[in-house]
Full PDB file with SEQRES, HELIX, SHEET, SSBOND, CRYST1, ORIGX, SCALE, CONECT and MASTER records, all heavy atoms in Angstrom:
SEQRES   1 A   33  VAL GLY ARG LYS ALA GLU GLY ARG GLU ASP ARG LYS GLN          
SEQRES   2 A   33  ILE LYS TYR THR MET ALA TYR ASP GLY PHE ALA ALA LYS          
SEQRES   3 A   33  LEU ALA GLU VAL LEU SER GLU                                  
SHEET    1 AA1 2 LYS A  15  TYR A  20  0                                        
SHEET    2 AA1 2 ALA A  25  LEU A  31 -1                                        
CRYST1    1.000    1.000    1.000  90.00  90.00  90.00 P 1           1          
ORIGX1      1.000000  0.000000  0.000000        0.00000                         
ORIGX2      0.000000  1.000000  0.000000        0.00000                         
ORIGX3      0.000000  0.000000  1.000000        0.00000                         
SCALE1      1.000000  0.000000  0.000000        0.00000                         
SCALE2      0.000000  1.000000  0.000000        0.00000                         
SCALE3      0.000000  0.000000  1.000000        0.00000                         
ATOM      1  N   VAL A   1      -6.913  24.072  30.393  1.00  0.00           N  
ATOM      2  CA  VAL A   1      -6.435  23.199  31.476  1.00  0.00           C  
ATOM      3  C   VAL A   1      -7.581  22.533  32.178  1.00  0.00           C  
ATOM      4  O   VAL A   1      -8.530  23.257  32.516  1.00  0.00           O  
ATOM      5  CB  VAL A   1      -5.638  24.029  32.497  1.00  0.00           C  
ATOM      6  CG1 VAL A   1      -5.084  23.101  33.603  1.00  0.00           C  
ATOM      7  CG2 VAL A   1      -4.436  24.711  31.807  1.00  0.00           C  
ATOM      8  N   GLY A   2      -7.558  21.264  32.355  1.00  0.00           N  
ATOM      9  CA  GLY A   2      -8.583  20.532  33.051  1.00  0.00           C  
ATOM     10  C   GLY A   2      -9.878  20.480  32.288  1.00  0.00           C  
ATOM     11  O   GLY A   2      -9.995  20.783  31.102  1.00  0.00           O  
ATOM     12  N   ARG A   3     -10.913  20.055  32.982  1.00  0.00           N  
ATOM     13  CA  ARG A   3     -12.232  19.874  32.328  1.00  0.00           C  
ATOM     14  C   ARG A   3     -13.054  21.178  32.479  1.00  0.00           C  
ATOM     15  O   ARG A   3     -12.943  21.899  33.411  1.00  0.00           O  
ATOM     16  CB  ARG A   3     -13.018  18.797  33.009  1.00  0.00           C  
ATOM     17  CG  ARG A   3     -12.400  17.415  32.809  1.00  0.00           C  
ATOM     18  CD  ARG A   3     -13.187  16.294  33.553  1.00  0.00           C  
ATOM     19  NE  ARG A   3     -12.623  14.977  33.311  1.00  0.00           N  
ATOM     20  CZ  ARG A   3     -13.132  13.890  33.800  1.00  0.00           C  
ATOM     21  NH1 ARG A   3     -14.258  13.968  34.547  1.00  0.00           N  
ATOM     22  NH2 ARG A   3     -12.569  12.715  33.652  1.00  0.00           N  
ATOM     23  N   LYS A   4     -13.902  21.383  31.505  1.00  0.00           N  
ATOM     24  CA  LYS A   4     -14.812  22.527  31.548  1.00  0.00           C  
ATOM     25  C   LYS A   4     -15.853  22.315  32.588  1.00  0.00           C  
ATOM     26  O   LYS A   4     -16.532  21.269  32.656  1.00  0.00           O  
ATOM     27  CB  LYS A   4     -15.468  22.679  30.143  1.00  0.00           C  
ATOM     28  CG  LYS A   4     -16.524  23.781  30.078  1.00  0.00           C  
ATOM     29  CD  LYS A   4     -17.188  23.831  28.754  1.00  0.00           C  
ATOM     30  CE  LYS A   4     -18.359  24.801  28.783  1.00  0.00           C  
ATOM     31  NZ  LYS A   4     -19.105  24.768  27.474  1.00  0.00           N  
ATOM     32  N   ALA A   5     -16.031  23.343  33.498  1.00  0.00           N  
ATOM     33  CA  ALA A   5     -17.014  23.248  34.512  1.00  0.00           C  
ATOM     34  C   ALA A   5     -18.432  23.437  33.855  1.00  0.00           C  
ATOM     35  O   ALA A   5     -18.594  24.190  32.935  1.00  0.00           O  
ATOM     36  CB  ALA A   5     -16.787  24.366  35.565  1.00  0.00           C  
ATOM     37  N   GLU A   6     -19.362  22.677  34.363  1.00  0.00           N  
ATOM     38  CA  GLU A   6     -20.718  22.714  33.782  1.00  0.00           C  
ATOM     39  C   GLU A   6     -21.319  24.126  33.893  1.00  0.00           C  
ATOM     40  O   GLU A   6     -21.317  24.760  34.980  1.00  0.00           O  
ATOM     41  CB  GLU A   6     -21.627  21.704  34.530  1.00  0.00           C  
ATOM     42  CG  GLU A   6     -22.988  21.572  33.911  1.00  0.00           C  
ATOM     43  CD  GLU A   6     -23.800  20.461  34.571  1.00  0.00           C  
ATOM     44  OE1 GLU A   6     -23.250  19.733  35.387  1.00  0.00           O  
ATOM     45  OE2 GLU A   6     -24.997  20.367  34.261  1.00  0.00           O  
ATOM     46  N   GLY A   7     -21.891  24.603  32.808  1.00  0.00           N  
ATOM     47  CA  GLY A   7     -22.515  25.919  32.742  1.00  0.00           C  
ATOM     48  C   GLY A   7     -21.570  27.044  32.573  1.00  0.00           C  
ATOM     49  O   GLY A   7     -21.981  28.224  32.601  1.00  0.00           O  
ATOM     50  N   ARG A   8     -20.260  26.793  32.424  1.00  0.00           N  
ATOM     51  CA  ARG A   8     -19.306  27.852  32.252  1.00  0.00           C  
ATOM     52  C   ARG A   8     -18.708  27.782  30.797  1.00  0.00           C  
ATOM     53  O   ARG A   8     -18.680  26.781  30.188  1.00  0.00           O  
ATOM     54  CB  ARG A   8     -18.123  27.712  33.248  1.00  0.00           C  
ATOM     55  CG  ARG A   8     -18.551  27.955  34.707  1.00  0.00           C  
ATOM     56  CD  ARG A   8     -17.323  28.016  35.564  1.00  0.00           C  
ATOM     57  NE  ARG A   8     -17.664  28.310  36.939  1.00  0.00           N  
ATOM     58  CZ  ARG A   8     -16.750  28.409  37.929  1.00  0.00           C  
ATOM     59  NH1 ARG A   8     -15.467  28.238  37.670  1.00  0.00           N  
ATOM     60  NH2 ARG A   8     -17.149  28.664  39.156  1.00  0.00           N  
ATOM     61  N   GLU A   9     -18.226  28.994  30.387  1.00  0.00           N  
ATOM     62  CA  GLU A   9     -17.607  29.069  29.125  1.00  0.00           C  
ATOM     63  C   GLU A   9     -16.252  28.407  29.093  1.00  0.00           C  
ATOM     64  O   GLU A   9     -15.561  28.342  30.129  1.00  0.00           O  
ATOM     65  CB  GLU A   9     -17.462  30.537  28.690  1.00  0.00           C  
ATOM     66  CG  GLU A   9     -18.730  31.301  28.508  1.00  0.00           C  
ATOM     67  CD  GLU A   9     -18.481  32.718  28.044  1.00  0.00           C  
ATOM     68  OE1 GLU A   9     -18.335  33.601  28.946  1.00  0.00           O  
ATOM     69  OE2 GLU A   9     -18.430  32.978  26.862  1.00  0.00           O  
ATOM     70  N   ASP A  10     -15.860  27.939  27.955  1.00  0.00           N  
ATOM     71  CA  ASP A  10     -14.445  27.439  27.802  1.00  0.00           C  
ATOM     72  C   ASP A  10     -13.496  28.618  28.029  1.00  0.00           C  
ATOM     73  O   ASP A  10     -13.753  29.727  27.545  1.00  0.00           O  
ATOM     74  CB  ASP A  10     -14.256  26.884  26.363  1.00  0.00           C  
ATOM     75  CG  ASP A  10     -14.880  25.515  26.225  1.00  0.00           C  
ATOM     76  OD1 ASP A  10     -14.990  24.780  27.257  1.00  0.00           O  
ATOM     77  OD2 ASP A  10     -15.297  25.136  25.133  1.00  0.00           O  
ATOM     78  N   ARG A  11     -12.420  28.283  28.665  1.00  0.00           N  
ATOM     79  CA  ARG A  11     -11.439  29.353  28.968  1.00  0.00           C  
ATOM     80  C   ARG A  11     -10.021  28.895  28.481  1.00  0.00           C  
ATOM     81  O   ARG A  11      -9.663  27.702  28.603  1.00  0.00           O  
ATOM     82  CB  ARG A  11     -11.385  29.631  30.480  1.00  0.00           C  
ATOM     83  CG  ARG A  11     -12.674  30.254  30.997  1.00  0.00           C  
ATOM     84  CD  ARG A  11     -12.635  30.371  32.526  1.00  0.00           C  
ATOM     85  NE  ARG A  11     -11.738  31.399  32.965  1.00  0.00           N  
ATOM     86  CZ  ARG A  11     -11.956  32.684  33.010  1.00  0.00           C  
ATOM     87  NH1 ARG A  11     -13.160  33.164  32.571  1.00  0.00           N  
ATOM     88  NH2 ARG A  11     -11.082  33.553  33.463  1.00  0.00           N  
ATOM     89  N   LYS A  12      -9.333  29.832  27.932  1.00  0.00           N  
ATOM     90  CA  LYS A  12      -7.938  29.573  27.518  1.00  0.00           C  
ATOM     91  C   LYS A  12      -7.025  30.268  28.527  1.00  0.00           C  
ATOM     92  O   LYS A  12      -7.362  31.298  29.101  1.00  0.00           O  
ATOM     93  CB  LYS A  12      -7.621  30.093  26.142  1.00  0.00           C  
ATOM     94  CG  LYS A  12      -8.238  29.205  25.009  1.00  0.00           C  
ATOM     95  CD  LYS A  12      -7.814  29.730  23.651  1.00  0.00           C  
ATOM     96  CE  LYS A  12      -8.372  28.831  22.560  1.00  0.00           C  
ATOM     97  NZ  LYS A  12      -7.985  29.316  21.208  1.00  0.00           N  
ATOM     98  N   GLN A  13      -5.787  29.790  28.613  1.00  0.00           N  
ATOM     99  CA  GLN A  13      -4.871  30.328  29.562  1.00  0.00           C  
ATOM    100  C   GLN A  13      -3.515  30.652  28.855  1.00  0.00           C  
ATOM    101  O   GLN A  13      -3.113  29.981  27.922  1.00  0.00           O  
ATOM    102  CB  GLN A  13      -4.611  29.402  30.802  1.00  0.00           C  
ATOM    103  CG  GLN A  13      -5.852  29.114  31.542  1.00  0.00           C  
ATOM    104  CD  GLN A  13      -5.580  28.454  32.839  1.00  0.00           C  
ATOM    105  OE1 GLN A  13      -4.768  28.995  33.670  1.00  0.00           O  
ATOM    106  NE2 GLN A  13      -6.214  27.322  33.153  1.00  0.00           N  
ATOM    107  N   ILE A  14      -2.893  31.684  29.396  1.00  0.00           N  
ATOM    108  CA  ILE A  14      -1.512  32.021  28.967  1.00  0.00           C  
ATOM    109  C   ILE A  14      -0.597  31.871  30.194  1.00  0.00           C  
ATOM    110  O   ILE A  14      -1.011  32.235  31.248  1.00  0.00           O  
ATOM    111  CB  ILE A  14      -1.443  33.471  28.430  1.00  0.00           C  
ATOM    112  CG1 ILE A  14      -2.297  33.642  27.159  1.00  0.00           C  
ATOM    113  CG2 ILE A  14       0.002  33.919  28.168  1.00  0.00           C  
ATOM    114  CD1 ILE A  14      -1.625  32.997  25.896  1.00  0.00           C  
ATOM    115  N   LYS A  15       0.570  31.347  29.972  1.00  0.00           N  
ATOM    116  CA  LYS A  15       1.500  31.233  31.049  1.00  0.00           C  
ATOM    117  C   LYS A  15       2.609  32.277  30.882  1.00  0.00           C  
ATOM    118  O   LYS A  15       3.167  32.477  29.861  1.00  0.00           O  
ATOM    119  CB  LYS A  15       2.177  29.829  31.068  1.00  0.00           C  
ATOM    120  CG  LYS A  15       3.238  29.708  32.137  1.00  0.00           C  
ATOM    121  CD  LYS A  15       3.842  28.249  32.144  1.00  0.00           C  
ATOM    122  CE  LYS A  15       2.920  27.325  32.937  1.00  0.00           C  
ATOM    123  NZ  LYS A  15       3.542  26.024  33.216  1.00  0.00           N  
ATOM    124  N   TYR A  16       2.823  33.030  32.002  1.00  0.00           N  
ATOM    125  CA  TYR A  16       3.915  33.968  32.088  1.00  0.00           C  
ATOM    126  C   TYR A  16       5.019  33.330  32.966  1.00  0.00           C  
ATOM    127  O   TYR A  16       4.779  32.962  34.093  1.00  0.00           O  
ATOM    128  CB  TYR A  16       3.522  35.312  32.730  1.00  0.00           C  
ATOM    129  CG  TYR A  16       2.481  36.078  31.941  1.00  0.00           C  
ATOM    130  CD1 TYR A  16       1.120  35.983  32.276  1.00  0.00           C  
ATOM    131  CD2 TYR A  16       2.889  36.900  30.907  1.00  0.00           C  
ATOM    132  CE1 TYR A  16       0.195  36.668  31.537  1.00  0.00           C  
ATOM    133  CE2 TYR A  16       1.942  37.600  30.197  1.00  0.00           C  
ATOM    134  CZ  TYR A  16       0.584  37.501  30.466  1.00  0.00           C  
ATOM    135  OH  TYR A  16      -0.360  38.220  29.795  1.00  0.00           O  
ATOM    136  N   THR A  17       6.219  33.198  32.388  1.00  0.00           N  
ATOM    137  CA  THR A  17       7.352  32.645  33.192  1.00  0.00           C  
ATOM    138  C   THR A  17       8.392  33.747  33.306  1.00  0.00           C  
ATOM    139  O   THR A  17       8.801  34.307  32.288  1.00  0.00           O  
ATOM    140  CB  THR A  17       7.937  31.420  32.514  1.00  0.00           C  
ATOM    141  OG1 THR A  17       6.959  30.444  32.378  1.00  0.00           O  
ATOM    142  CG2 THR A  17       9.085  30.874  33.335  1.00  0.00           C  
ATOM    143  N   MET A  18       8.776  34.063  34.532  1.00  0.00           N  
ATOM    144  CA  MET A  18       9.657  35.217  34.787  1.00  0.00           C  
ATOM    145  C   MET A  18      10.827  34.778  35.645  1.00  0.00           C  
ATOM    146  O   MET A  18      10.775  33.784  36.406  1.00  0.00           O  
ATOM    147  CB  MET A  18       8.938  36.340  35.463  1.00  0.00           C  
ATOM    148  CG  MET A  18       7.787  36.898  34.639  1.00  0.00           C  
ATOM    149  SD  MET A  18       7.078  38.353  35.487  1.00  0.00           S  
ATOM    150  CE  MET A  18       5.561  38.581  34.567  1.00  0.00           C  
ATOM    151  N   ALA A  19      11.907  35.597  35.563  1.00  0.00           N  
ATOM    152  CA  ALA A  19      13.026  35.471  36.412  1.00  0.00           C  
ATOM    153  C   ALA A  19      13.142  36.772  37.228  1.00  0.00           C  
ATOM    154  O   ALA A  19      13.374  37.813  36.670  1.00  0.00           O  
ATOM    155  CB  ALA A  19      14.302  35.246  35.627  1.00  0.00           C  
ATOM    156  N   TYR A  20      12.912  36.690  38.545  1.00  0.00           N  
ATOM    157  CA  TYR A  20      12.824  37.823  39.411  1.00  0.00           C  
ATOM    158  C   TYR A  20      14.052  37.896  40.334  1.00  0.00           C  
ATOM    159  O   TYR A  20      14.380  36.865  40.963  1.00  0.00           O  
ATOM    160  CB  TYR A  20      11.502  37.662  40.241  1.00  0.00           C  
ATOM    161  CG  TYR A  20      11.282  38.763  41.274  1.00  0.00           C  
ATOM    162  CD1 TYR A  20      11.048  40.074  40.882  1.00  0.00           C  
ATOM    163  CD2 TYR A  20      11.295  38.454  42.632  1.00  0.00           C  
ATOM    164  CE1 TYR A  20      10.797  41.076  41.830  1.00  0.00           C  
ATOM    165  CE2 TYR A  20      11.086  39.447  43.590  1.00  0.00           C  
ATOM    166  CZ  TYR A  20      10.882  40.752  43.168  1.00  0.00           C  
ATOM    167  OH  TYR A  20      10.589  41.714  44.106  1.00  0.00           O  
ATOM    168  N   ASP A  21      14.647  39.083  40.394  1.00  0.00           N  
ATOM    169  CA  ASP A  21      15.885  39.251  41.189  1.00  0.00           C  
ATOM    170  C   ASP A  21      15.676  40.014  42.449  1.00  0.00           C  
ATOM    171  O   ASP A  21      16.634  40.431  43.083  1.00  0.00           O  
ATOM    172  CB  ASP A  21      16.955  39.915  40.310  1.00  0.00           C  
ATOM    173  CG  ASP A  21      16.609  41.289  39.884  1.00  0.00           C  
ATOM    174  OD1 ASP A  21      15.527  41.810  40.331  1.00  0.00           O  
ATOM    175  OD2 ASP A  21      17.357  41.894  39.091  1.00  0.00           O  
ATOM    176  N   GLY A  22      14.434  40.261  42.839  1.00  0.00           N  
ATOM    177  CA  GLY A  22      14.150  40.971  44.086  1.00  0.00           C  
ATOM    178  C   GLY A  22      13.875  42.439  43.792  1.00  0.00           C  
ATOM    179  O   GLY A  22      13.336  43.159  44.640  1.00  0.00           O  
ATOM    180  N   PHE A  23      14.155  42.908  42.542  1.00  0.00           N  
ATOM    181  CA  PHE A  23      13.866  44.245  42.166  1.00  0.00           C  
ATOM    182  C   PHE A  23      12.819  44.249  40.996  1.00  0.00           C  
ATOM    183  O   PHE A  23      11.862  44.950  40.997  1.00  0.00           O  
ATOM    184  CB  PHE A  23      15.171  44.961  41.732  1.00  0.00           C  
ATOM    185  CG  PHE A  23      14.957  46.231  40.894  1.00  0.00           C  
ATOM    186  CD1 PHE A  23      14.190  47.269  41.360  1.00  0.00           C  
ATOM    187  CD2 PHE A  23      15.502  46.340  39.628  1.00  0.00           C  
ATOM    188  CE1 PHE A  23      13.935  48.404  40.611  1.00  0.00           C  
ATOM    189  CE2 PHE A  23      15.340  47.440  38.870  1.00  0.00           C  
ATOM    190  CZ  PHE A  23      14.591  48.492  39.404  1.00  0.00           C  
ATOM    191  N   ALA A  24      13.104  43.431  39.991  1.00  0.00           N  
ATOM    192  CA  ALA A  24      12.314  43.419  38.808  1.00  0.00           C  
ATOM    193  C   ALA A  24      12.528  42.093  38.076  1.00  0.00           C  
ATOM    194  O   ALA A  24      13.342  41.276  38.480  1.00  0.00           O  
ATOM    195  CB  ALA A  24      12.540  44.585  37.911  1.00  0.00           C  
ATOM    196  N   ALA A  25      11.835  41.892  37.015  1.00  0.00           N  
ATOM    197  CA  ALA A  25      11.994  40.704  36.183  1.00  0.00           C  
ATOM    198  C   ALA A  25      13.183  40.879  35.275  1.00  0.00           C  
ATOM    199  O   ALA A  25      13.223  41.824  34.443  1.00  0.00           O  
ATOM    200  CB  ALA A  25      10.707  40.375  35.368  1.00  0.00           C  
ATOM    201  N   LYS A  26      14.237  40.077  35.408  1.00  0.00           N  
ATOM    202  CA  LYS A  26      15.384  40.124  34.527  1.00  0.00           C  
ATOM    203  C   LYS A  26      15.038  39.612  33.140  1.00  0.00           C  
ATOM    204  O   LYS A  26      15.591  40.074  32.145  1.00  0.00           O  
ATOM    205  CB  LYS A  26      16.535  39.301  35.073  1.00  0.00           C  
ATOM    206  CG  LYS A  26      17.173  39.856  36.353  1.00  0.00           C  
ATOM    207  CD  LYS A  26      18.230  38.881  36.888  1.00  0.00           C  
ATOM    208  CE  LYS A  26      19.449  38.856  35.989  1.00  0.00           C  
ATOM    209  NZ  LYS A  26      20.241  40.075  36.063  1.00  0.00           N  
ATOM    210  N   LEU A  27      14.076  38.724  33.079  1.00  0.00           N  
ATOM    211  CA  LEU A  27      13.641  38.182  31.781  1.00  0.00           C  
ATOM    212  C   LEU A  27      12.179  37.614  31.970  1.00  0.00           C  
ATOM    213  O   LEU A  27      11.855  37.142  33.036  1.00  0.00           O  
ATOM    214  CB  LEU A  27      14.564  37.025  31.345  1.00  0.00           C  
ATOM    215  CG  LEU A  27      14.413  36.564  29.925  1.00  0.00           C  
ATOM    216  CD1 LEU A  27      14.900  37.652  28.918  1.00  0.00           C  
ATOM    217  CD2 LEU A  27      15.309  35.344  29.667  1.00  0.00           C  
ATOM    218  N   ALA A  28      11.425  37.772  30.941  1.00  0.00           N  
ATOM    219  CA  ALA A  28      10.003  37.269  31.047  1.00  0.00           C  
ATOM    220  C   ALA A  28       9.596  36.664  29.715  1.00  0.00           C  
ATOM    221  O   ALA A  28      10.022  37.207  28.663  1.00  0.00           O  
ATOM    222  CB  ALA A  28       9.071  38.394  31.453  1.00  0.00           C  
ATOM    223  N   GLU A  29       8.832  35.678  29.721  1.00  0.00           N  
ATOM    224  CA  GLU A  29       8.356  35.010  28.523  1.00  0.00           C  
ATOM    225  C   GLU A  29       6.851  34.844  28.604  1.00  0.00           C  
ATOM    226  O   GLU A  29       6.251  34.522  29.610  1.00  0.00           O  
ATOM    227  CB  GLU A  29       9.010  33.601  28.304  1.00  0.00           C  
ATOM    228  CG  GLU A  29      10.447  33.675  27.966  1.00  0.00           C  
ATOM    229  CD  GLU A  29      10.674  33.942  26.470  1.00  0.00           C  
ATOM    230  OE1 GLU A  29       9.690  34.015  25.722  1.00  0.00           O  
ATOM    231  OE2 GLU A  29      11.880  34.109  26.065  1.00  0.00           O  
ATOM    232  N   VAL A  30       6.181  35.028  27.448  1.00  0.00           N  
ATOM    233  CA  VAL A  30       4.759  34.745  27.267  1.00  0.00           C  
ATOM    234  C   VAL A  30       4.613  33.440  26.545  1.00  0.00           C  
ATOM    235  O   VAL A  30       5.085  33.347  25.425  1.00  0.00           O  
ATOM    236  CB  VAL A  30       4.028  35.849  26.535  1.00  0.00           C  
ATOM    237  CG1 VAL A  30       2.565  35.499  26.357  1.00  0.00           C  
ATOM    238  CG2 VAL A  30       4.166  37.213  27.227  1.00  0.00           C  
ATOM    239  N   LEU A  31       4.074  32.412  27.193  1.00  0.00           N  
ATOM    240  CA  LEU A  31       4.017  31.040  26.657  1.00  0.00           C  
ATOM    241  C   LEU A  31       2.563  30.653  26.442  1.00  0.00           C  
ATOM    242  O   LEU A  31       1.712  30.662  27.360  1.00  0.00           O  
ATOM    243  CB  LEU A  31       4.677  30.076  27.581  1.00  0.00           C  
ATOM    244  CG  LEU A  31       6.130  30.467  27.968  1.00  0.00           C  
ATOM    245  CD1 LEU A  31       6.651  29.530  29.058  1.00  0.00           C  
ATOM    246  CD2 LEU A  31       7.033  30.422  26.758  1.00  0.00           C  
ATOM    247  N   SER A  32       2.191  30.331  25.179  1.00  0.00           N  
ATOM    248  CA  SER A  32       0.807  30.028  24.858  1.00  0.00           C  
ATOM    249  C   SER A  32       0.646  28.610  24.245  1.00  0.00           C  
ATOM    250  O   SER A  32      -0.426  28.208  24.008  1.00  0.00           O  
ATOM    251  CB  SER A  32       0.296  31.038  23.860  1.00  0.00           C  
ATOM    252  OG  SER A  32       1.016  31.103  22.649  1.00  0.00           O  
ATOM    253  N   GLU A  33       1.706  27.893  24.050  1.00  0.00           N  
ATOM    254  CA  GLU A  33       1.634  26.549  23.479  1.00  0.00           C  
ATOM    255  C   GLU A  33       1.369  25.505  24.618  1.00  0.00           C  
ATOM    256  O   GLU A  33       2.044  25.624  25.641  1.00  0.00           O  
ATOM    257  CB  GLU A  33       2.873  26.230  22.666  1.00  0.00           C  
ATOM    258  CG  GLU A  33       3.114  27.179  21.514  1.00  0.00           C  
ATOM    259  CD  GLU A  33       4.408  26.887  20.855  1.00  0.00           C  
ATOM    260  OE1 GLU A  33       4.971  25.770  21.001  1.00  0.00           O  
ATOM    261  OE2 GLU A  33       4.878  27.776  20.055  1.00  0.00           O  
TER     262      GLU A  33                                                      
MASTER        0    0    0    0    2    0    0    6  261    1    0    3          
END                                                                             
């Protein structure tokens, strides 16, 4: 995401998308594309 900061390593990110009902996650997805 975004531009690489000078002097820093390239970084990859994973997105977690969840549905939260006030107690716990009813459903969660790991999204890497």
